[in-house]
Amino acid sequence: MPLLLRSLLLRSLPLAGLLAAGLAFPTAHAADSPEAPADSAAEDLATAIFAGGCFWCMEPPYDRQPGVTATTSGYTGGERENPDYETVSGGGTGHAEAVRITYDPDEIGYAELLEIFWRNVDPFAEDRQFCDTGAQYRSAIFYRNDRQRELAEASLAEMQERFDRAIATEIAPAGTFWEAEDYHQNYYEKNPLRYKFYRFRCGRDDRLEEIWGDEAGGPTFD
């Protein structure tokens, strides 16, 4: 989202809320190697990384999916070490706001995660999403292996055929994923009113419905 709007929403938290959310004492970011799953002890789990504008809005459609065990907001796609929200949102780092999804491939597949991804982004918007502008808010699929790349490219071709126009969404190899500050994680659950206000002001749902109709927001795989 525009830095000013999000900053106003965050500053409206009382001090107790700031402390509880981790805002008063930001925590260091943890890096995730693209070669290893987010939880290396859980060898049966896999991870996927998608960018779709504001990462607050990309967690909910995945959190409701059976087989998804965790979603984590963060930064990826750039070269800067230890990025933080202020530097990424200001632009110029190469990083995008992104979400890392940890999932059980026996319950939900990567192809299904892609179905959800597309229906939560504006695939025609270049270097922006909804009211958020700049390459840090681009839509992107960051693949972690050859199979994910093949599925991502096939889904992109499907979108181009469906809409018969250029798709701006980037497909790129996953690099280091830097976890965002604690107060950004599960923001929609911690601050539901502020989240809904932002989402409405940003026009996200209206634009998704304009593109996807009844498919907007993606399916829930039972």
Protein backbone atom coordinates (compact mmCIF):
# COMPACT_ATOMS: atom_id res chain seq x y z
CA MET A 1 0.00 0.00 0.00
CA PRO A 2 1.14 3.62 -0.22
CA LEU A 3 3.61 4.13 2.61
CA LEU A 4 1.67 7.08 4.06
CA LEU A 5 -1.63 5.17 4.32
CA ARG A 6 -0.03 2.12 5.89
CA SER A 7 2.05 4.27 8.26
CA LEU A 8 -1.10 6.05 9.42
CA LEU A 9 -2.78 2.72 10.11
CA LEU A 10 0.22 1.48 12.07
CA ARG A 11 0.66 4.70 14.04
CA SER A 12 -2.96 4.52 15.14
CA LEU A 13 -2.14 1.55 17.33
CA PRO A 14 -1.86 2.41 21.05
CA LEU A 15 1.48 1.80 22.78
CA ALA A 16 0.27 -1.47 24.28
CA GLY A 17 -0.68 -2.61 20.81
CA LEU A 18 2.70 -1.60 19.44
CA LEU A 19 4.45 -3.63 22.08
CA ALA A 20 2.23 -6.63 21.50
CA ALA A 21 2.69 -6.40 17.73
CA GLY A 22 6.47 -6.02 18.00
CA LEU A 23 6.41 -2.50 16.54
CA ALA A 24 8.18 -0.78 19.39
CA PHE A 25 11.12 -3.19 19.23
CA PRO A 26 11.40 -4.54 15.66
CA THR A 27 12.90 -7.98 15.39
CA ALA A 28 15.66 -9.04 13.04
CA HIS A 29 14.65 -10.75 9.81
CA ALA A 30 15.34 -14.41 9.32
CA ALA A 31 16.63 -15.55 5.93
CA ASP A 32 15.24 -18.61 4.19
CA SER A 33 17.46 -20.53 1.78
CA PRO A 34 15.71 -21.34 -1.51
CA GLU A 35 17.12 -24.85 -1.38
CA ALA A 36 15.52 -25.79 1.93
CA PRO A 37 11.88 -25.81 3.11
CA ALA A 38 10.84 -23.17 5.60
CA ASP A 39 10.82 -25.84 8.30
CA SER A 40 13.75 -28.11 7.48
CA ALA A 41 12.69 -30.57 10.19
CA ALA A 42 9.42 -31.23 8.38
CA GLU A 43 10.64 -33.04 5.28
CA ASP A 44 7.08 -33.76 4.15
CA LEU A 45 6.28 -30.05 3.80
CA ALA A 46 6.99 -27.82 0.81
CA THR A 47 7.06 -24.05 0.28
CA ALA A 48 5.87 -21.65 -2.39
CA ILE A 49 6.64 -17.93 -2.72
CA PHE A 50 4.30 -15.44 -4.42
CA ALA A 51 4.19 -11.65 -4.65
CA GLY A 52 0.85 -9.96 -5.16
CA GLY A 53 1.14 -6.41 -3.88
CA CYS A 54 0.46 -5.82 -0.19
CA PHE A 55 1.50 -8.97 1.65
CA TRP A 56 -1.21 -8.40 4.25
CA CYS A 57 -3.73 -9.30 1.55
CA MET A 58 -1.96 -12.40 0.24
CA GLU A 59 -2.02 -14.35 3.50
CA PRO A 60 -5.82 -14.81 4.00
CA PRO A 61 -6.64 -16.74 0.78
CA TYR A 62 -3.95 -19.30 1.65
CA ASP A 63 -4.57 -19.52 5.38
CA ARG A 64 -8.04 -20.88 4.74
CA GLN A 65 -6.78 -23.76 2.55
CA PRO A 66 -6.61 -27.29 3.96
CA GLY A 67 -3.02 -28.45 3.71
CA VAL A 68 -1.50 -25.00 4.20
CA THR A 69 0.32 -25.01 7.51
CA ALA A 70 1.72 -21.46 7.59
CA THR A 71 1.96 -18.21 5.68
CA THR A 72 4.76 -15.71 6.26
CA SER A 73 5.02 -12.17 4.92
CA GLY A 74 8.43 -11.04 3.76
CA TYR A 75 10.70 -9.55 1.13
CA THR A 76 12.40 -11.25 -1.80
CA GLY A 77 13.60 -10.73 -5.36
CA GLY A 78 16.30 -8.15 -4.63
CA GLU A 79 19.96 -8.08 -3.67
CA ARG A 80 19.91 -6.04 -0.46
CA GLU A 81 20.79 -7.92 2.71
CA ASN A 82 18.50 -7.65 5.74
CA PRO A 83 15.86 -5.46 4.10
CA ASP A 84 13.21 -3.85 6.26
CA TYR A 85 9.78 -2.43 5.54
CA GLU A 86 10.90 1.17 5.32
CA THR A 87 13.59 0.52 2.72
CA VAL A 88 11.55 -1.93 0.63
CA SER A 89 8.40 0.20 0.57
CA GLY A 90 10.50 3.20 -0.44
CA GLY A 91 11.59 1.40 -3.62
CA GLY A 92 14.97 0.81 -5.19
CA THR A 93 15.94 -2.39 -3.34
CA GLY A 94 14.72 -4.80 -6.03
CA HIS A 95 12.74 -6.67 -3.39
CA ALA A 96 9.01 -7.26 -3.59
CA GLU A 97 6.56 -7.73 -0.76
CA ALA A 98 5.82 -11.44 -0.88
CA VAL A 99 4.25 -14.30 1.02
CA ARG A 100 5.85 -17.68 1.70
CA ILE A 101 3.39 -20.55 1.94
CA THR A 102 4.29 -23.73 3.78
CA TYR A 103 2.08 -26.61 2.74
CA ASP A 104 1.62 -30.35 2.70
CA PRO A 105 1.78 -31.47 -0.96
CA ASP A 106 -0.24 -34.57 -0.08
CA GLU A 107 -3.19 -32.30 0.75
CA ILE A 108 -2.80 -29.40 -1.68
CA GLY A 109 -0.66 -29.14 -4.78
CA TYR A 110 1.44 -26.34 -6.22
CA ALA A 111 -0.90 -26.13 -9.22
CA GLU A 112 -3.77 -25.39 -6.83
CA LEU A 113 -1.71 -22.72 -5.08
CA LEU A 114 -1.18 -21.11 -8.48
CA GLU A 115 -4.94 -21.09 -9.12
CA ILE A 116 -5.38 -19.15 -5.89
CA PHE A 117 -2.49 -16.79 -6.70
CA TRP A 118 -3.81 -15.65 -10.07
CA ARG A 119 -7.28 -14.92 -8.72
CA ASN A 120 -5.84 -12.64 -6.04
CA VAL A 121 -3.77 -10.41 -8.33
CA ASP A 122 -4.24 -8.03 -11.23
CA PRO A 123 -2.10 -9.89 -13.80
CA PHE A 124 -2.08 -6.93 -16.22
CA ALA A 125 -0.62 -4.34 -13.83
CA GLU A 126 3.08 -3.66 -14.35
CA ASP A 127 5.15 -2.72 -11.29
CA ARG A 128 2.08 -2.12 -9.16
CA GLN A 129 -0.97 -3.82 -7.66
CA PHE A 130 -4.21 -1.96 -7.02
CA CYS A 131 -3.39 1.29 -5.15
CA ASP A 132 0.22 0.25 -4.46
CA THR A 133 2.71 1.49 -7.04
CA GLY A 134 6.35 0.59 -7.65
CA ALA A 135 8.30 -2.56 -8.46
CA GLN A 136 8.19 -3.50 -4.77
CA TYR A 137 4.48 -4.21 -5.32
CA ARG A 138 4.82 -6.18 -8.56
CA SER A 139 3.12 -9.53 -9.00
CA ALA A 140 5.55 -12.43 -9.23
CA ILE A 141 5.92 -16.18 -8.89
CA PHE A 142 9.25 -17.19 -7.36
CA TYR A 143 9.84 -20.84 -8.18
CA ARG A 144 12.00 -23.04 -5.99
CA ASN A 145 12.65 -25.96 -8.33
CA ASP A 146 12.18 -27.06 -11.94
CA ARG A 147 8.76 -28.55 -11.31
CA GLN A 148 7.45 -25.31 -9.82
CA ARG A 149 8.92 -23.40 -12.78
CA GLU A 150 7.19 -25.69 -15.28
CA LEU A 151 3.85 -25.35 -13.55
CA ALA A 152 4.24 -21.57 -13.21
CA GLU A 153 5.06 -21.17 -16.90
CA ALA A 154 2.14 -23.39 -17.90
CA SER A 155 -0.23 -21.33 -15.74
CA LEU A 156 1.10 -18.11 -17.28
CA ALA A 157 0.43 -19.47 -20.77
CA GLU A 158 -3.08 -20.40 -19.66
CA MET A 159 -3.71 -16.85 -18.44
CA GLN A 160 -2.44 -15.35 -21.71
CA GLU A 161 -4.75 -17.61 -23.69
CA ARG A 162 -7.69 -16.90 -21.44
CA PHE A 163 -7.40 -13.11 -21.61
CA ASP A 164 -5.68 -12.80 -25.00
CA ARG A 165 -3.43 -10.02 -23.76
CA ALA A 166 0.01 -9.57 -22.23
CA ILE A 167 0.49 -10.72 -18.63
CA ALA A 168 2.80 -8.58 -16.51
CA THR A 169 3.38 -11.15 -13.74
CA GLU A 170 7.05 -12.07 -13.35
CA ILE A 171 8.30 -15.65 -13.08
CA ALA A 172 11.74 -15.84 -11.47
CA PRO A 173 13.90 -18.22 -9.44
CA ALA A 174 13.51 -17.88 -5.69
CA GLY A 175 16.35 -16.26 -3.81
CA THR A 176 16.66 -15.51 -0.14
CA PHE A 177 13.34 -14.82 1.55
CA TRP A 178 13.59 -12.27 4.36
CA GLU A 179 10.80 -12.44 6.91
CA ALA A 180 9.01 -9.15 7.48
CA GLU A 181 8.73 -7.56 10.90
CA ASP A 182 6.49 -9.31 13.42
CA TYR A 183 3.78 -6.65 13.27
CA HIS A 184 3.17 -7.47 9.59
CA GLN A 185 2.56 -11.17 10.20
CA ASN A 186 -1.14 -12.12 10.22
CA TYR A 187 -1.99 -8.43 10.18
CA TYR A 188 -5.53 -9.16 9.00
CA GLU A 189 -6.15 -11.16 12.20
CA LYS A 190 -4.39 -8.80 14.61
CA ASN A 191 -5.97 -5.62 13.22
CA PRO A 192 -9.13 -6.63 11.31
CA LEU A 193 -10.74 -3.18 11.15
CA ARG A 194 -7.60 -1.44 9.90
CA TYR A 195 -7.00 -4.25 7.42
CA LYS A 196 -10.53 -4.03 6.02
CA PHE A 197 -10.26 -0.25 5.81
CA TYR A 198 -7.02 -0.47 3.83
CA ARG A 199 -8.35 -3.17 1.52
CA PHE A 200 -11.49 -1.16 0.77
CA ARG A 201 -9.61 2.10 0.20
CA CYS A 202 -7.19 0.32 -2.10
CA GLY A 203 -10.01 -0.98 -4.31
CA ARG A 204 -8.59 -4.47 -4.29
CA ASP A 205 -11.82 -6.44 -4.21
CA ASP A 206 -13.53 -4.26 -6.82
CA ARG A 207 -10.65 -4.76 -9.25
CA LEU A 208 -10.45 -8.51 -8.58
CA GLU A 209 -14.16 -8.86 -9.27
CA GLU A 210 -13.79 -6.81 -12.45
CA ILE A 211 -11.11 -9.21 -13.74
CA TRP A 212 -12.21 -12.55 -12.31
CA GLY A 213 -15.92 -12.23 -11.66
CA ASP A 214 -17.17 -15.01 -9.38
CA GLU A 215 -13.66 -16.51 -9.32
CA ALA A 216 -12.22 -13.47 -7.51
CA GLY A 217 -10.27 -14.45 -4.42
CA GLY A 218 -9.76 -17.99 -5.64
CA PRO A 219 -11.30 -21.31 -4.71
CA THR A 220 -11.06 -23.07 -1.36
CA PHE A 221 -9.89 -26.62 -1.85
CA ASP A 222 -11.65 -28.93 0.62
